[in-house]
Amino acid sequence: MTETKVRSRGGRPRLPAADVRYKSVNVAFSRGEHAHLCERALACAMRLAEFVRETALSRRLPSPPAPAVNRDQYASLARLSANLNQLAKHANAGRQVIVADDLLIHMIGEVSRLRLDLIGVRE
């Protein structure tokens, strides 16, 4: 009686397809930068490539600059709020503040328009 033994493939088991890394990025470092990275990787008990990958993927990036339209609208909002602040200051000081109704309606409309512009909604 001869039995055929099924042999398993040796070696490391395959990773799921989503975890396989097949793209590489070449990054050049100066000698000093490379030495600094090696020291930091060693301090974390990591290989250099692993350290660079983890640092690049887990690091919080700075926020992108505000779009130009937001800066323009912010300037308009600053002018409007300065005018409102002056009116509030006079009213809080006990002075009589008289504002035309159409001006208040205009200011309410401007505030609404600015809010919509800042979030990217057009009327």
PDB file of N, CA and C in Angstrom:
ATOM      1  N   MET A   1       0.808  -1.157   0.000  1.00  0.00           N
ATOM      2  CA  MET A   1       0.000   0.000   0.000  1.00  0.00           C
ATOM      3  C   MET A   1       0.870   1.246   0.000  1.00  0.00           C
ATOM      4  N   THR A   2       0.746   1.998  -1.017  1.00  0.00           N
ATOM      5  CA  THR A   2       1.518   3.234  -1.100  1.00  0.00           C
ATOM      6  C   THR A   2       0.572   4.420  -0.946  1.00  0.00           C
ATOM      7  N   GLU A   3       0.951   5.253  -0.062  1.00  0.00           N
ATOM      8  CA  GLU A   3       0.153   6.463   0.160  1.00  0.00           C
ATOM      9  C   GLU A   3       0.885   7.654  -0.436  1.00  0.00           C
ATOM     10  N   THR A   4       0.149   8.469  -1.107  1.00  0.00           N
ATOM     11  CA  THR A   4       0.731   9.683  -1.647  1.00  0.00           C
ATOM     12  C   THR A   4       0.481  10.794  -0.643  1.00  0.00           C
ATOM     13  N   LYS A   5       1.546  11.369  -0.201  1.00  0.00           N
ATOM     14  CA  LYS A   5       1.456  12.446   0.777  1.00  0.00           C
ATOM     15  C   LYS A   5       1.325  13.784   0.045  1.00  0.00           C
ATOM     16  N   VAL A   6       0.327  14.553   0.414  1.00  0.00           N
ATOM     17  CA  VAL A   6       0.154  15.876  -0.193  1.00  0.00           C
ATOM     18  C   VAL A   6       1.033  16.838   0.576  1.00  0.00           C
ATOM     19  N   ARG A   7       1.933  17.431  -0.161  1.00  0.00           N
ATOM     20  CA  ARG A   7       2.853  18.377   0.476  1.00  0.00           C
ATOM     21  C   ARG A   7       2.310  19.790   0.342  1.00  0.00           C
ATOM     22  N   SER A   8       2.414  20.507   1.415  1.00  0.00           N
ATOM     23  CA  SER A   8       1.994  21.907   1.349  1.00  0.00           C
ATOM     24  C   SER A   8       3.152  22.738   0.830  1.00  0.00           C
ATOM     25  N   ARG A   9       2.791  23.815   0.208  1.00  0.00           N
ATOM     26  CA  ARG A   9       3.838  24.714  -0.271  1.00  0.00           C
ATOM     27  C   ARG A   9       4.460  25.381   0.934  1.00  0.00           C
ATOM     28  N   GLY A  10       5.726  25.404   0.969  1.00  0.00           N
ATOM     29  CA  GLY A  10       6.421  26.049   2.071  1.00  0.00           C
ATOM     30  C   GLY A  10       6.453  27.554   1.889  1.00  0.00           C
ATOM     31  N   GLY A  11       6.961  28.218   2.881  1.00  0.00           N
ATOM     32  CA  GLY A  11       7.133  29.661   2.776  1.00  0.00           C
ATOM     33  C   GLY A  11       6.016  30.445   3.423  1.00  0.00           C
ATOM     34  N   ARG A  12       6.108  31.686   3.204  1.00  0.00           N
ATOM     35  CA  ARG A  12       5.179  32.630   3.823  1.00  0.00           C
ATOM     36  C   ARG A  12       3.822  32.587   3.115  1.00  0.00           C
ATOM     37  N   PRO A  13       2.727  32.625   3.873  1.00  0.00           N
ATOM     38  CA  PRO A  13       1.409  32.643   3.228  1.00  0.00           C
ATOM     39  C   PRO A  13       1.194  33.946   2.447  1.00  0.00           C
ATOM     40  N   ARG A  14       0.407  33.849   1.398  1.00  0.00           N
ATOM     41  CA  ARG A  14       0.145  35.034   0.576  1.00  0.00           C
ATOM     42  C   ARG A  14      -0.719  36.035   1.332  1.00  0.00           C
ATOM     43  N   LEU A  15      -0.450  37.311   1.054  1.00  0.00           N
ATOM     44  CA  LEU A  15      -1.267  38.384   1.619  1.00  0.00           C
ATOM     45  C   LEU A  15      -2.554  38.516   0.809  1.00  0.00           C
ATOM     46  N   PRO A  16      -3.599  39.039   1.408  1.00  0.00           N
ATOM     47  CA  PRO A  16      -4.792  39.361   0.609  1.00  0.00           C
ATOM     48  C   PRO A  16      -4.412  40.377  -0.474  1.00  0.00           C
ATOM     49  N   ALA A  17      -5.100  40.322  -1.585  1.00  0.00           N
ATOM     50  CA  ALA A  17      -4.761  41.180  -2.730  1.00  0.00           C
ATOM     51  C   ALA A  17      -4.725  42.659  -2.361  1.00  0.00           C
ATOM     52  N   ALA A  18      -5.601  43.090  -1.459  1.00  0.00           N
ATOM     53  CA  ALA A  18      -5.646  44.509  -1.081  1.00  0.00           C
ATOM     54  C   ALA A  18      -4.413  44.935  -0.292  1.00  0.00           C
ATOM     55  N   ASP A  19      -3.724  43.989   0.335  1.00  0.00           N
ATOM     56  CA  ASP A  19      -2.565  44.317   1.169  1.00  0.00           C
ATOM     57  C   ASP A  19      -1.229  44.186   0.447  1.00  0.00           C
ATOM     58  N   VAL A  20      -1.242  43.667  -0.774  1.00  0.00           N
ATOM     59  CA  VAL A  20       0.008  43.490  -1.515  1.00  0.00           C
ATOM     60  C   VAL A  20       0.510  44.848  -1.980  1.00  0.00           C
ATOM     61  N   ARG A  21       1.760  45.136  -1.691  1.00  0.00           N
ATOM     62  CA  ARG A  21       2.368  46.407  -2.109  1.00  0.00           C
ATOM     63  C   ARG A  21       3.168  46.158  -3.377  1.00  0.00           C
ATOM     64  N   TYR A  22       2.801  46.835  -4.435  1.00  0.00           N
ATOM     65  CA  TYR A  22       3.493  46.643  -5.698  1.00  0.00           C
ATOM     66  C   TYR A  22       3.973  47.942  -6.316  1.00  0.00           C
ATOM     67  N   LYS A  23       3.647  49.056  -5.719  1.00  0.00           N
ATOM     68  CA  LYS A  23       4.112  50.352  -6.215  1.00  0.00           C
ATOM     69  C   LYS A  23       5.192  50.877  -5.292  1.00  0.00           C
ATOM     70  N   SER A  24       6.227  51.440  -5.880  1.00  0.00           N
ATOM     71  CA  SER A  24       7.277  52.043  -5.059  1.00  0.00           C
ATOM     72  C   SER A  24       7.480  53.487  -5.492  1.00  0.00           C
ATOM     73  N   VAL A  25       7.964  54.278  -4.556  1.00  0.00           N
ATOM     74  CA  VAL A  25       8.229  55.690  -4.803  1.00  0.00           C
ATOM     75  C   VAL A  25       9.691  55.933  -4.468  1.00  0.00           C
ATOM     76  N   ASN A  26      10.414  56.485  -5.406  1.00  0.00           N
ATOM     77  CA  ASN A  26      11.825  56.784  -5.157  1.00  0.00           C
ATOM     78  C   ASN A  26      11.946  58.199  -4.605  1.00  0.00           C
ATOM     79  N   VAL A  27      12.546  58.303  -3.451  1.00  0.00           N
ATOM     80  CA  VAL A  27      12.736  59.591  -2.803  1.00  0.00           C
ATOM     81  C   VAL A  27      14.217  59.735  -2.499  1.00  0.00           C
ATOM     82  N   ALA A  28      14.784  60.878  -2.856  1.00  0.00           N
ATOM     83  CA  ALA A  28      16.212  61.109  -2.601  1.00  0.00           C
ATOM     84  C   ALA A  28      16.383  61.896  -1.308  1.00  0.00           C
ATOM     85  N   PHE A  29      17.339  61.466  -0.492  1.00  0.00           N
ATOM     86  CA  PHE A  29      17.674  62.141   0.757  1.00  0.00           C
ATOM     87  C   PHE A  29      19.151  62.488   0.751  1.00  0.00           C
ATOM     88  N   SER A  30      19.505  63.557   1.434  1.00  0.00           N
ATOM     89  CA  SER A  30      20.923  63.867   1.620  1.00  0.00           C
ATOM     90  C   SER A  30      21.493  62.857   2.615  1.00  0.00           C
ATOM     91  N   ARG A  31      22.797  62.827   2.741  1.00  0.00           N
ATOM     92  CA  ARG A  31      23.410  61.892   3.698  1.00  0.00           C
ATOM     93  C   ARG A  31      22.924  62.169   5.119  1.00  0.00           C
ATOM     94  N   GLY A  32      22.845  63.450   5.466  1.00  0.00           N
ATOM     95  CA  GLY A  32      22.393  63.822   6.803  1.00  0.00           C
ATOM     96  C   GLY A  32      20.942  63.428   7.053  1.00  0.00           C
ATOM     97  N   GLU A  33      20.081  63.680   6.056  1.00  0.00           N
ATOM     98  CA  GLU A  33      18.675  63.303   6.194  1.00  0.00           C
ATOM     99  C   GLU A  33      18.524  61.794   6.332  1.00  0.00           C
ATOM    100  N   HIS A  34      19.277  61.061   5.509  1.00  0.00           N
ATOM    101  CA  HIS A  34      19.214  59.598   5.555  1.00  0.00           C
ATOM    102  C   HIS A  34      19.663  59.082   6.917  1.00  0.00           C
ATOM    103  N   ALA A  35      20.751  59.642   7.434  1.00  0.00           N
ATOM    104  CA  ALA A  35      21.249  59.221   8.748  1.00  0.00           C
ATOM    105  C   ALA A  35      20.212  59.527   9.833  1.00  0.00           C
ATOM    106  N   HIS A  36      19.593  60.693   9.732  1.00  0.00           N
ATOM    107  CA  HIS A  36      18.568  61.078  10.709  1.00  0.00           C
ATOM    108  C   HIS A  36      17.381  60.114  10.653  1.00  0.00           C
ATOM    109  N   LEU A  37      16.939  59.771   9.441  1.00  0.00           N
ATOM    110  CA  LEU A  37      15.829  58.827   9.292  1.00  0.00           C
ATOM    111  C   LEU A  37      16.194  57.450   9.837  1.00  0.00           C
ATOM    112  N   CYS A  38      17.428  57.017   9.566  1.00  0.00           N
ATOM    113  CA  CYS A  38      17.877  55.711  10.072  1.00  0.00           C
ATOM    114  C   CYS A  38      17.868  55.691  11.597  1.00  0.00           C
ATOM    115  N   GLU A  39      18.322  56.778  12.208  1.00  0.00           N
ATOM    116  CA  GLU A  39      18.325  56.861  13.678  1.00  0.00           C
ATOM    117  C   GLU A  39      16.903  56.798  14.228  1.00  0.00           C
ATOM    118  N   ARG A  40      16.003  57.531  13.603  1.00  0.00           N
ATOM    119  CA  ARG A  40      14.616  57.546  14.079  1.00  0.00           C
ATOM    120  C   ARG A  40      13.948  56.186  13.887  1.00  0.00           C
ATOM    121  N   ALA A  41      14.234  55.533  12.761  1.00  0.00           N
ATOM    122  CA  ALA A  41      13.673  54.203  12.519  1.00  0.00           C
ATOM    123  C   ALA A  41      14.207  53.207  13.540  1.00  0.00           C
ATOM    124  N   LEU A  42      15.501  53.291  13.823  1.00  0.00           N
ATOM    125  CA  LEU A  42      16.119  52.398  14.803  1.00  0.00           C
ATOM    126  C   LEU A  42      15.517  52.621  16.188  1.00  0.00           C
ATOM    127  N   ALA A  43      15.283  53.875  16.541  1.00  0.00           N
ATOM    128  CA  ALA A  43      14.693  54.192  17.845  1.00  0.00           C
ATOM    129  C   ALA A  43      13.282  53.621  17.971  1.00  0.00           C
ATOM    130  N   CYS A  44      12.596  53.469  16.849  1.00  0.00           N
ATOM    131  CA  CYS A  44      11.240  52.904  16.851  1.00  0.00           C
ATOM    132  C   CYS A  44      11.252  51.401  16.594  1.00  0.00           C
ATOM    133  N   ALA A  45      12.435  50.820  16.487  1.00  0.00           N
ATOM    134  CA  ALA A  45      12.596  49.387  16.194  1.00  0.00           C
ATOM    135  C   ALA A  45      11.891  49.013  14.892  1.00  0.00           C
ATOM    136  N   MET A  46      12.089  49.843  13.869  1.00  0.00           N
ATOM    137  CA  MET A  46      11.466  49.604  12.569  1.00  0.00           C
ATOM    138  C   MET A  46      12.530  49.628  11.486  1.00  0.00           C
ATOM    139  N   ARG A  47      12.232  48.928  10.383  1.00  0.00           N
ATOM    140  CA  ARG A  47      13.101  49.051   9.215  1.00  0.00           C
ATOM    141  C   ARG A  47      12.870  50.437   8.614  1.00  0.00           C
ATOM    142  N   LEU A  48      13.854  50.942   7.887  1.00  0.00           N
ATOM    143  CA  LEU A  48      13.762  52.295   7.339  1.00  0.00           C
ATOM    144  C   LEU A  48      12.541  52.452   6.435  1.00  0.00           C
ATOM    145  N   ALA A  49      12.330  51.511   5.514  1.00  0.00           N
ATOM    146  CA  ALA A  49      11.193  51.614   4.592  1.00  0.00           C
ATOM    147  C   ALA A  49       9.872  51.607   5.355  1.00  0.00           C
ATOM    148  N   GLU A  50       9.779  50.752   6.356  1.00  0.00           N
ATOM    149  CA  GLU A  50       8.569  50.673   7.172  1.00  0.00           C
ATOM    150  C   GLU A  50       8.337  51.989   7.921  1.00  0.00           C
ATOM    151  N   PHE A  51       9.412  52.562   8.456  1.00  0.00           N
ATOM    152  CA  PHE A  51       9.310  53.828   9.184  1.00  0.00           C
ATOM    153  C   PHE A  51       8.844  54.953   8.261  1.00  0.00           C
ATOM    154  N   VAL A  52       9.448  55.042   7.080  1.00  0.00           N
ATOM    155  CA  VAL A  52       9.086  56.103   6.128  1.00  0.00           C
ATOM    156  C   VAL A  52       7.632  55.932   5.690  1.00  0.00           C
ATOM    157  N   ARG A  53       7.210  54.692   5.415  1.00  0.00           N
ATOM    158  CA  ARG A  53       5.830  54.435   4.999  1.00  0.00           C
ATOM    159  C   ARG A  53       4.853  54.836   6.103  1.00  0.00           C
ATOM    160  N   GLU A  54       5.099  54.389   7.322  1.00  0.00           N
ATOM    161  CA  GLU A  54       4.205  54.707   8.437  1.00  0.00           C
ATOM    162  C   GLU A  54       4.151  56.207   8.700  1.00  0.00           C
ATOM    163  N   THR A  55       5.301  56.856   8.629  1.00  0.00           N
ATOM    164  CA  THR A  55       5.343  58.298   8.866  1.00  0.00           C
ATOM    165  C   THR A  55       4.569  59.044   7.785  1.00  0.00           C
ATOM    166  N   ALA A  56       4.755  58.640   6.536  1.00  0.00           N
ATOM    167  CA  ALA A  56       4.082  59.327   5.426  1.00  0.00           C
ATOM    168  C   ALA A  56       2.573  59.102   5.453  1.00  0.00           C
ATOM    169  N   LEU A  57       2.140  57.909   5.818  1.00  0.00           N
ATOM    170  CA  LEU A  57       0.710  57.600   5.766  1.00  0.00           C
ATOM    171  C   LEU A  57      -0.060  58.033   7.007  1.00  0.00           C
ATOM    172  N   SER A  58       0.619  58.170   8.126  1.00  0.00           N
ATOM    173  CA  SER A  58      -0.112  58.482   9.349  1.00  0.00           C
ATOM    174  C   SER A  58       0.029  59.933   9.780  1.00  0.00           C
ATOM    175  N   ARG A  59       0.838  60.674   9.095  1.00  0.00           N
ATOM    176  CA  ARG A  59       1.089  62.053   9.483  1.00  0.00           C
ATOM    177  C   ARG A  59      -0.040  62.961   9.034  1.00  0.00           C
ATOM    178  N   ARG A  60      -0.437  63.872   9.884  1.00  0.00           N
ATOM    179  CA  ARG A  60      -1.482  64.836   9.532  1.00  0.00           C
ATOM    180  C   ARG A  60      -0.862  65.940   8.686  1.00  0.00           C
ATOM    181  N   LEU A  61      -1.439  66.168   7.538  1.00  0.00           N
ATOM    182  CA  LEU A  61      -0.920  67.175   6.618  1.00  0.00           C
ATOM    183  C   LEU A  61      -1.511  68.539   6.939  1.00  0.00           C
ATOM    184  N   PRO A  62      -0.796  69.609   6.594  1.00  0.00           N
ATOM    185  CA  PRO A  62      -1.357  70.944   6.811  1.00  0.00           C
ATOM    186  C   PRO A  62      -2.584  71.150   5.929  1.00  0.00           C
ATOM    187  N   SER A  63      -3.498  71.968   6.395  1.00  0.00           N
ATOM    188  CA  SER A  63      -4.709  72.251   5.631  1.00  0.00           C
ATOM    189  C   SER A  63      -4.350  73.019   4.366  1.00  0.00           C
ATOM    190  N   PRO A  64      -5.053  72.728   3.272  1.00  0.00           N
ATOM    191  CA  PRO A  64      -4.786  73.489   2.052  1.00  0.00           C
ATOM    192  C   PRO A  64      -5.208  74.938   2.248  1.00  0.00           C
ATOM    193  N   PRO A  65      -4.596  75.857   1.507  1.00  0.00           N
ATOM    194  CA  PRO A  65      -4.969  77.269   1.658  1.00  0.00           C
ATOM    195  C   PRO A  65      -6.429  77.479   1.254  1.00  0.00           C
ATOM    196  N   ALA A  66      -7.037  78.473   1.852  1.00  0.00           N
ATOM    197  CA  ALA A  66      -8.439  78.782   1.543  1.00  0.00           C
ATOM    198  C   ALA A  66      -8.543  79.268   0.104  1.00  0.00           C
ATOM    199  N   PRO A  67      -9.592  78.864  -0.600  1.00  0.00           N
ATOM    200  CA  PRO A  67      -9.773  79.338  -1.971  1.00  0.00           C
ATOM    201  C   PRO A  67      -9.891  80.858  -2.003  1.00  0.00           C
ATOM    202  N   ALA A  68      -9.533  81.441  -3.133  1.00  0.00           N
ATOM    203  CA  ALA A  68      -9.553  82.899  -3.278  1.00  0.00           C
ATOM    204  C   ALA A  68     -10.944  83.461  -3.015  1.00  0.00           C
ATOM    205  N   VAL A  69     -11.986  82.732  -3.450  1.00  0.00           N
ATOM    206  CA  VAL A  69     -13.339  83.242  -3.231  1.00  0.00           C
ATOM    207  C   VAL A  69     -13.618  83.357  -1.738  1.00  0.00           C
ATOM    208  N   ASN A  70     -13.115  82.415  -0.945  1.00  0.00           N
ATOM    209  CA  ASN A  70     -13.324  82.501   0.499  1.00  0.00           C
ATOM    210  C   ASN A  70     -12.593  83.694   1.094  1.00  0.00           C
ATOM    211  N   ARG A  71     -11.382  83.974   0.600  1.00  0.00           N
ATOM    212  CA  ARG A  71     -10.636  85.129   1.112  1.00  0.00           C
ATOM    213  C   ARG A  71     -11.371  86.423   0.780  1.00  0.00           C
ATOM    214  N   ASP A  72     -11.904  86.521  -0.437  1.00  0.00           N
ATOM    215  CA  ASP A  72     -12.648  87.717  -0.837  1.00  0.00           C
ATOM    216  C   ASP A  72     -13.913  87.873   0.009  1.00  0.00           C
ATOM    217  N   GLN A  73     -14.622  86.780   0.186  1.00  0.00           N
ATOM    218  CA  GLN A  73     -15.851  86.833   0.976  1.00  0.00           C
ATOM    219  C   GLN A  73     -15.546  87.120   2.440  1.00  0.00           C
ATOM    220  N   TYR A  74     -14.425  86.600   2.906  1.00  0.00           N
ATOM    221  CA  TYR A  74     -14.023  86.857   4.294  1.00  0.00           C
ATOM    222  C   TYR A  74     -13.754  88.348   4.494  1.00  0.00           C
ATOM    223  N   ALA A  75     -13.132  88.982   3.499  1.00  0.00           N
ATOM    224  CA  ALA A  75     -12.872  90.423   3.581  1.00  0.00           C
ATOM    225  C   ALA A  75     -14.191  91.199   3.600  1.00  0.00           C
ATOM    226  N   SER A  76     -15.148  90.770   2.775  1.00  0.00           N
ATOM    227  CA  SER A  76     -16.466  91.423   2.779  1.00  0.00           C
ATOM    228  C   SER A  76     -17.146  91.251   4.126  1.00  0.00           C
ATOM    229  N   LEU A  77     -17.036  90.061   4.676  1.00  0.00           N
ATOM    230  CA  LEU A  77     -17.636  89.789   5.980  1.00  0.00           C
ATOM    231  C   LEU A  77     -16.977  90.631   7.069  1.00  0.00           C
ATOM    232  N   ALA A  78     -15.668  90.831   6.964  1.00  0.00           N
ATOM    233  CA  ALA A  78     -14.953  91.649   7.956  1.00  0.00           C
ATOM    234  C   ALA A  78     -15.441  93.096   7.915  1.00  0.00           C
ATOM    235  N   ARG A  79     -15.633  93.643   6.709  1.00  0.00           N
ATOM    236  CA  ARG A  79     -16.134  95.015   6.597  1.00  0.00           C
ATOM    237  C   ARG A  79     -17.539  95.130   7.185  1.00  0.00           C
ATOM    238  N   LEU A  80     -18.379  94.166   6.850  1.00  0.00           N
ATOM    239  CA  LEU A  80     -19.752  94.178   7.343  1.00  0.00           C
ATOM    240  C   LEU A  80     -19.793  94.048   8.860  1.00  0.00           C
ATOM    241  N   SER A  81     -18.981  93.155   9.402  1.00  0.00           N
ATOM    242  CA  SER A  81     -18.992  92.963  10.860  1.00  0.00           C
ATOM    243  C   SER A  81     -18.414  94.178  11.580  1.00  0.00           C
ATOM    244  N   ALA A  82     -17.476  94.879  10.959  1.00  0.00           N
ATOM    245  CA  ALA A  82     -16.931  96.093  11.584  1.00  0.00           C
ATOM    246  C   ALA A  82     -18.022  97.154  11.705  1.00  0.00           C
ATOM    247  N   ASN A  83     -18.827  97.291  10.661  1.00  0.00           N
ATOM    248  CA  ASN A  83     -19.933  98.255  10.715  1.00  0.00           C
ATOM    249  C   ASN A  83     -20.956  97.867  11.781  1.00  0.00           C
ATOM    250  N   LEU A  84     -21.291  96.586  11.834  1.00  0.00           N
ATOM    251  CA  LEU A  84     -22.248  96.130  12.850  1.00  0.00           C
ATOM    252  C   LEU A  84     -21.685  96.313  14.253  1.00  0.00           C
ATOM    253  N   ASN A  85     -20.393  96.090  14.408  1.00  0.00           N
ATOM    254  CA  ASN A  85     -19.748  96.243  15.711  1.00  0.00           C
ATOM    255  C   ASN A  85     -19.818  97.699  16.179  1.00  0.00           C
ATOM    256  N   GLN A  86     -19.620  98.633  15.259  1.00  0.00           N
ATOM    257  CA  GLN A  86     -19.708 100.049  15.621  1.00  0.00           C
ATOM    258  C   GLN A  86     -21.127 100.407  16.074  1.00  0.00           C
ATOM    259  N   LEU A  87     -22.122  99.883  15.366  1.00  0.00           N
ATOM    260  CA  LEU A  87     -23.509 100.139  15.763  1.00  0.00           C
ATOM    261  C   LEU A  87     -23.804  99.547  17.141  1.00  0.00           C
ATOM    262  N   ALA A  88     -23.338  98.338  17.384  1.00  0.00           N
ATOM    263  CA  ALA A  88     -23.567  97.690  18.680  1.00  0.00           C
ATOM    264  C   ALA A  88     -22.866  98.452  19.795  1.00  0.00           C
ATOM    265  N   LYS A  89     -21.672  98.969  19.522  1.00  0.00           N
ATOM    266  CA  LYS A  89     -20.924  99.728  20.529  1.00  0.00           C
ATOM    267  C   LYS A  89     -21.696 100.989  20.924  1.00  0.00           C
ATOM    268  N   HIS A  90     -22.221 101.698  19.935  1.00  0.00           N
ATOM    269  CA  HIS A  90     -23.012 102.904  20.218  1.00  0.00           C
ATOM    270  C   HIS A  90     -24.268 102.551  21.014  1.00  0.00           C
ATOM    271  N   ALA A  91     -24.941 101.483  20.619  1.00  0.00           N
ATOM    272  CA  ALA A  91     -26.170 101.085  21.317  1.00  0.00           C
ATOM    273  C   ALA A  91     -25.867 100.680  22.754  1.00  0.00           C
ATOM    274  N   ASN A  92     -24.770  99.963  22.969  1.00  0.00           N
ATOM    275  CA  ASN A  92     -24.398  99.531  24.324  1.00  0.00           C
ATOM    276  C   ASN A  92     -23.946 100.701  25.193  1.00  0.00           C
ATOM    277  N   ALA A  93     -23.467 101.758  24.569  1.00  0.00           N
ATOM    278  CA  ALA A  93     -23.042 102.943  25.321  1.00  0.00           C
ATOM    279  C   ALA A  93     -24.240 103.823  25.676  1.00  0.00           C
ATOM    280  N   GLY A  94     -25.424 103.422  25.253  1.00  0.00           N
ATOM    281  CA  GLY A  94     -26.624 104.178  25.590  1.00  0.00           C
ATOM    282  C   GLY A  94     -26.968 105.240  24.571  1.00  0.00           C
ATOM    283  N   ARG A  95     -26.221 105.305  23.498  1.00  0.00           N
ATOM    284  CA  ARG A  95     -26.526 106.290  22.459  1.00  0.00           C
ATOM    285  C   ARG A  95     -27.661 105.768  21.581  1.00  0.00           C
ATOM    286  N   GLN A  96     -28.379 106.684  21.013  1.00  0.00           N
ATOM    287  CA  GLN A  96     -29.468 106.302  20.131  1.00  0.00           C
ATOM    288  C   GLN A  96     -28.888 105.903  18.777  1.00  0.00           C
ATOM    289  N   VAL A  97     -29.295 104.740  18.305  1.00  0.00           N
ATOM    290  CA  VAL A  97     -28.826 104.252  17.006  1.00  0.00           C
ATOM    291  C   VAL A  97     -30.035 104.165  16.085  1.00  0.00           C
ATOM    292  N   ILE A  98     -29.952 104.889  15.007  1.00  0.00           N
ATOM    293  CA  ILE A  98     -31.046 104.881  14.040  1.00  0.00           C
ATOM    294  C   ILE A  98     -30.502 104.292  12.744  1.00  0.00           C
ATOM    295  N   VAL A  99     -31.136 103.215  12.334  1.00  0.00           N
ATOM    296  CA  VAL A  99     -30.728 102.547  11.098  1.00  0.00           C
ATOM    297  C   VAL A  99     -31.969 102.388  10.239  1.00  0.00           C
ATOM    298  N   ALA A 100     -31.845 102.740   8.981  1.00  0.00           N
ATOM    299  CA  ALA A 100     -32.972 102.621   8.058  1.00  0.00           C
ATOM    300  C   ALA A 100     -33.322 101.147   7.856  1.00  0.00           C
ATOM    301  N   ASP A 101     -34.616 100.870   7.727  1.00  0.00           N
ATOM    302  CA  ASP A 101     -35.084  99.495   7.549  1.00  0.00           C
ATOM    303  C   ASP A 101     -34.474  98.841   6.310  1.00  0.00           C
ATOM    304  N   ASP A 102     -34.405  99.603   5.210  1.00  0.00           N
ATOM    305  CA  ASP A 102     -33.852  99.018   3.988  1.00  0.00           C
ATOM    306  C   ASP A 102     -32.374  98.670   4.147  1.00  0.00           C
ATOM    307  N   LEU A 103     -31.654  99.407   4.985  1.00  0.00           N
ATOM    308  CA  LEU A 103     -30.250  99.083   5.246  1.00  0.00           C
ATOM    309  C   LEU A 103     -30.137  97.775   6.028  1.00  0.00           C
ATOM    310  N   LEU A 104     -31.004  97.581   7.016  1.00  0.00           N
ATOM    311  CA  LEU A 104     -31.000  96.324   7.775  1.00  0.00           C
ATOM    312  C   LEU A 104     -31.355  95.140   6.875  1.00  0.00           C
ATOM    313  N   ILE A 105     -32.342  95.332   6.019  1.00  0.00           N
ATOM    314  CA  ILE A 105     -32.728  94.266   5.087  1.00  0.00           C
ATOM    315  C   ILE A 105     -31.563  93.940   4.161  1.00  0.00           C
ATOM    316  N   HIS A 106     -30.876  94.980   3.684  1.00  0.00           N
ATOM    317  CA  HIS A 106     -29.705  94.780   2.826  1.00  0.00           C
ATOM    318  C   HIS A 106     -28.611  94.003   3.571  1.00  0.00           C
ATOM    319  N   MET A 107     -28.365  94.356   4.833  1.00  0.00           N
ATOM    320  CA  MET A 107     -27.321  93.683   5.616  1.00  0.00           C
ATOM    321  C   MET A 107     -27.678  92.215   5.851  1.00  0.00           C
ATOM    322  N   ILE A 108     -28.942  91.929   6.122  1.00  0.00           N
ATOM    323  CA  ILE A 108     -29.372  90.537   6.302  1.00  0.00           C
ATOM    324  C   ILE A 108     -29.141  89.751   5.010  1.00  0.00           C
ATOM    325  N   GLY A 109     -29.467  90.369   3.881  1.00  0.00           N
ATOM    326  CA  GLY A 109     -29.229  89.727   2.590  1.00  0.00           C
ATOM    327  C   GLY A 109     -27.750  89.476   2.339  1.00  0.00           C
ATOM    328  N   GLU A 110     -26.913  90.456   2.679  1.00  0.00           N
ATOM    329  CA  GLU A 110     -25.464  90.304   2.507  1.00  0.00           C
ATOM    330  C   GLU A 110     -24.912  89.167   3.362  1.00  0.00           C
ATOM    331  N   VAL A 111     -25.357  89.100   4.609  1.00  0.00           N
ATOM    332  CA  VAL A 111     -24.891  88.025   5.495  1.00  0.00           C
ATOM    333  C   VAL A 111     -25.305  86.669   4.927  1.00  0.00           C
ATOM    334  N   SER A 112     -26.535  86.552   4.466  1.00  0.00           N
ATOM    335  CA  SER A 112     -27.003  85.289   3.880  1.00  0.00           C
ATOM    336  C   SER A 112     -26.188  84.928   2.646  1.00  0.00           C
ATOM    337  N   ARG A 113     -25.937  85.914   1.783  1.00  0.00           N
ATOM    338  CA  ARG A 113     -25.161  85.664   0.565  1.00  0.00           C
ATOM    339  C   ARG A 113     -23.745  85.229   0.905  1.00  0.00           C
ATOM    340  N   LEU A 114     -23.127  85.908   1.879  1.00  0.00           N
ATOM    341  CA  LEU A 114     -21.764  85.557   2.276  1.00  0.00           C
ATOM    342  C   LEU A 114     -21.698  84.142   2.841  1.00  0.00           C
ATOM    343  N   ARG A 115     -22.672  83.786   3.654  1.00  0.00           N
ATOM    344  CA  ARG A 115     -22.683  82.436   4.224  1.00  0.00           C
ATOM    345  C   ARG A 115     -22.766  81.396   3.119  1.00  0.00           C
ATOM    346  N   LEU A 116     -23.641  81.615   2.143  1.00  0.00           N
ATOM    347  CA  LEU A 116     -23.775  80.667   1.039  1.00  0.00           C
ATOM    348  C   LEU A 116     -22.509  80.616   0.189  1.00  0.00           C
ATOM    349  N   ASP A 117     -21.897  81.769  -0.071  1.00  0.00           N
ATOM    350  CA  ASP A 117     -20.657  81.804  -0.850  1.00  0.00           C
ATOM    351  C   ASP A 117     -19.535  81.055  -0.146  1.00  0.00           C
ATOM    352  N   LEU A 118     -19.456  81.194   1.164  1.00  0.00           N
ATOM    353  CA  LEU A 118     -18.374  80.545   1.910  1.00  0.00           C
ATOM    354  C   LEU A 118     -18.490  79.027   1.894  1.00  0.00           C
ATOM    355  N   ILE A 119     -19.697  78.505   1.788  1.00  0.00           N
ATOM    356  CA  ILE A 119     -19.843  77.051   1.722  1.00  0.00           C
ATOM    357  C   ILE A 119     -19.990  76.559   0.287  1.00  0.00           C
ATOM    358  N   GLY A 120     -19.886  77.475  -0.668  1.00  0.00           N
ATOM    359  CA  GLY A 120     -19.869  77.086  -2.071  1.00  0.00           C
ATOM    360  C   GLY A 120     -21.236  76.917  -2.707  1.00  0.00           C
ATOM    361  N   VAL A 121     -22.271  77.488  -2.120  1.00  0.00           N
ATOM    362  CA  VAL A 121     -23.620  77.390  -2.681  1.00  0.00           C
ATOM    363  C   VAL A 121     -23.940  78.705  -3.370  1.00  0.00           C
ATOM    364  N   ARG A 122     -24.376  78.610  -4.607  1.00  0.00           N
ATOM    365  CA  ARG A 122     -24.754  79.811  -5.359  1.00  0.00           C
ATOM    366  C   ARG A 122     -26.269  79.941  -5.355  1.00  0.00           C
ATOM    367  N   GLU A 123     -26.745  81.158  -5.263  1.00  0.00           N
ATOM    368  CA  GLU A 123     -28.199  81.398  -5.276  1.00  0.00           C
ATOM    369  C   GLU A 123     -28.728  81.269  -6.677  1.00  0.00           C
TER     370      GLU A 123
END
